[in-house]
Every structure is written in C-alpha cells, then in structure tokens.
Amino acid sequence: MAGLLMLAGMIWFFSSGYTPPGICGEVLRHNQQNDIDASPLIYSDVDNMHEIEHDVMLMRRKSAAAR
C-alpha cells in the first residue's frame, strides 16, 4: 500500500507542472513554453545505432590491447 501511495505521489508531483528554481527550471520552462519534446533519447530511435555500437566495441578492443 505504501508503494502505491508513493507512486501516486510521484505521478501527482511530476504532473503538477512544478519546475525547480535555477538553471534546470529555466531549461524546463523554456522547453514547455516552446513545446519542445526533450525526452531522453531512446537508443532504438537512432538510425545507425548498430554501427555506433560496433565502433564502440572496436575502440574498447583497441584500448584493451594498448594496455
């Protein structure tokens, strides 16, 4: 029951429109006023993610071999 209350409280808090003071709140308010969707980038949304993952794997191998 406590978990459900905490979840409901978090949903209410984040949907209330409260923005923190300072630069973080400024950025959030700017995005809301200009209807900017700044949701986190989901890896599947990147067109060439497979190539990027392959390149990162190669860089890690080269880094490990250089040690």
C-alpha atoms as a PDB file:
ATOM      1  CA  MET A   1       0.000   0.000   0.000  1.00  0.00           C
ATOM      2  CA  ALA A   2       2.854   2.353   0.848  1.00  0.00           C
ATOM      3  CA  GLY A   3       4.401   1.723  -2.559  1.00  0.00           C
ATOM      4  CA  LEU A   4       1.172   2.620  -4.325  1.00  0.00           C
ATOM      5  CA  LEU A   5       0.883   5.827  -2.304  1.00  0.00           C
ATOM      6  CA  MET A   6       4.468   6.750  -3.155  1.00  0.00           C
ATOM      7  CA  LEU A   7       3.864   6.030  -6.841  1.00  0.00           C
ATOM      8  CA  ALA A   8       0.672   8.087  -6.844  1.00  0.00           C
ATOM      9  CA  GLY A   9       2.504  10.918  -5.069  1.00  0.00           C
ATOM     10  CA  MET A  10       5.310  10.875  -7.606  1.00  0.00           C
ATOM     11  CA  ILE A  11       2.854  10.908 -10.515  1.00  0.00           C
ATOM     12  CA  TRP A  12       0.978  13.819  -8.955  1.00  0.00           C
ATOM     13  CA  PHE A  13       4.210  15.737  -8.235  1.00  0.00           C
ATOM     14  CA  PHE A  14       5.641  15.364 -11.730  1.00  0.00           C
ATOM     15  CA  SER A  15       2.332  16.114 -13.425  1.00  0.00           C
ATOM     16  CA  SER A  16       1.744  19.234 -11.295  1.00  0.00           C
ATOM     17  CA  GLY A  17       3.940  21.353 -13.541  1.00  0.00           C
ATOM     18  CA  TYR A  18       6.344  22.334 -10.778  1.00  0.00           C
ATOM     19  CA  THR A  19       9.736  23.361 -12.118  1.00  0.00           C
ATOM     20  CA  PRO A  20      12.765  23.673  -9.870  1.00  0.00           C
ATOM     21  CA  PRO A  21      14.475  27.022  -9.385  1.00  0.00           C
ATOM     22  CA  GLY A  22      17.725  27.830 -11.122  1.00  0.00           C
ATOM     23  CA  ILE A  23      19.104  26.831 -14.493  1.00  0.00           C
ATOM     24  CA  CYS A  24      17.370  23.422 -14.546  1.00  0.00           C
ATOM     25  CA  GLY A  25      13.981  25.018 -14.011  1.00  0.00           C
ATOM     26  CA  GLU A  26      14.788  27.655 -16.606  1.00  0.00           C
ATOM     27  CA  VAL A  27      15.504  24.992 -19.217  1.00  0.00           C
ATOM     28  CA  LEU A  28      12.328  23.082 -18.337  1.00  0.00           C
ATOM     29  CA  ARG A  29      10.186  26.215 -18.536  1.00  0.00           C
ATOM     30  CA  HIS A  30      11.753  27.165 -21.877  1.00  0.00           C
ATOM     31  CA  ASN A  31      11.035  23.714 -23.298  1.00  0.00           C
ATOM     32  CA  GLN A  32       7.438  23.814 -22.056  1.00  0.00           C
ATOM     33  CA  GLN A  33       6.802  27.316 -23.423  1.00  0.00           C
ATOM     34  CA  ASN A  34       8.202  26.429 -26.845  1.00  0.00           C
ATOM     35  CA  ASP A  35       6.573  22.971 -26.969  1.00  0.00           C
ATOM     36  CA  ILE A  36       9.948  21.220 -27.208  1.00  0.00           C
ATOM     37  CA  ASP A  37       9.942  17.479 -26.569  1.00  0.00           C
ATOM     38  CA  ALA A  38      13.223  16.966 -24.746  1.00  0.00           C
ATOM     39  CA  SER A  39      12.519  13.459 -23.555  1.00  0.00           C
ATOM     40  CA  PRO A  40      15.569  11.243 -23.236  1.00  0.00           C
ATOM     41  CA  LEU A  41      16.828   9.749 -26.437  1.00  0.00           C
ATOM     42  CA  ILE A  42      15.970   6.078 -26.685  1.00  0.00           C
ATOM     43  CA  TYR A  43      18.713   4.085 -28.359  1.00  0.00           C
ATOM     44  CA  SER A  44      16.307   2.441 -30.755  1.00  0.00           C
ATOM     45  CA  ASP A  45      15.441   5.893 -32.139  1.00  0.00           C
ATOM     46  CA  VAL A  46      18.951   6.326 -33.537  1.00  0.00           C
ATOM     47  CA  ASP A  47      19.092   5.303 -37.178  1.00  0.00           C
ATOM     48  CA  ASN A  48      22.652   3.963 -37.170  1.00  0.00           C
ATOM     49  CA  MET A  49      22.865   2.617 -33.615  1.00  0.00           C
ATOM     50  CA  HIS A  50      24.179  -0.763 -34.793  1.00  0.00           C
ATOM     51  CA  GLU A  51      27.151   0.944 -36.468  1.00  0.00           C
ATOM     52  CA  ILE A  52      27.818   3.063 -33.396  1.00  0.00           C
ATOM     53  CA  GLU A  53      27.763   0.015 -31.115  1.00  0.00           C
ATOM     54  CA  HIS A  54      30.167  -1.793 -33.449  1.00  0.00           C
ATOM     55  CA  ASP A  55      32.562   1.188 -33.478  1.00  0.00           C
ATOM     56  CA  VAL A  56      32.466   1.433 -29.677  1.00  0.00           C
ATOM     57  CA  MET A  57      33.243  -2.274 -29.408  1.00  0.00           C
ATOM     58  CA  LEU A  58      36.258  -1.808 -31.730  1.00  0.00           C
ATOM     59  CA  MET A  59      37.502   1.174 -29.690  1.00  0.00           C
ATOM     60  CA  ARG A  60      37.241  -0.840 -26.474  1.00  0.00           C
ATOM     61  CA  ARG A  61      39.218  -3.704 -28.018  1.00  0.00           C
ATOM     62  CA  LYS A  62      41.945  -1.327 -29.234  1.00  0.00           C
ATOM     63  CA  SER A  63      42.081   0.323 -25.820  1.00  0.00           C
ATOM     64  CA  ALA A  64      42.413  -3.035 -24.054  1.00  0.00           C
ATOM     65  CA  ALA A  65      45.119  -4.162 -26.489  1.00  0.00           C
ATOM     66  CA  ALA A  66      47.114  -0.954 -25.921  1.00  0.00           C
ATOM     67  CA  ARG A  67      47.375  -1.616 -22.200  1.00  0.00           C
END
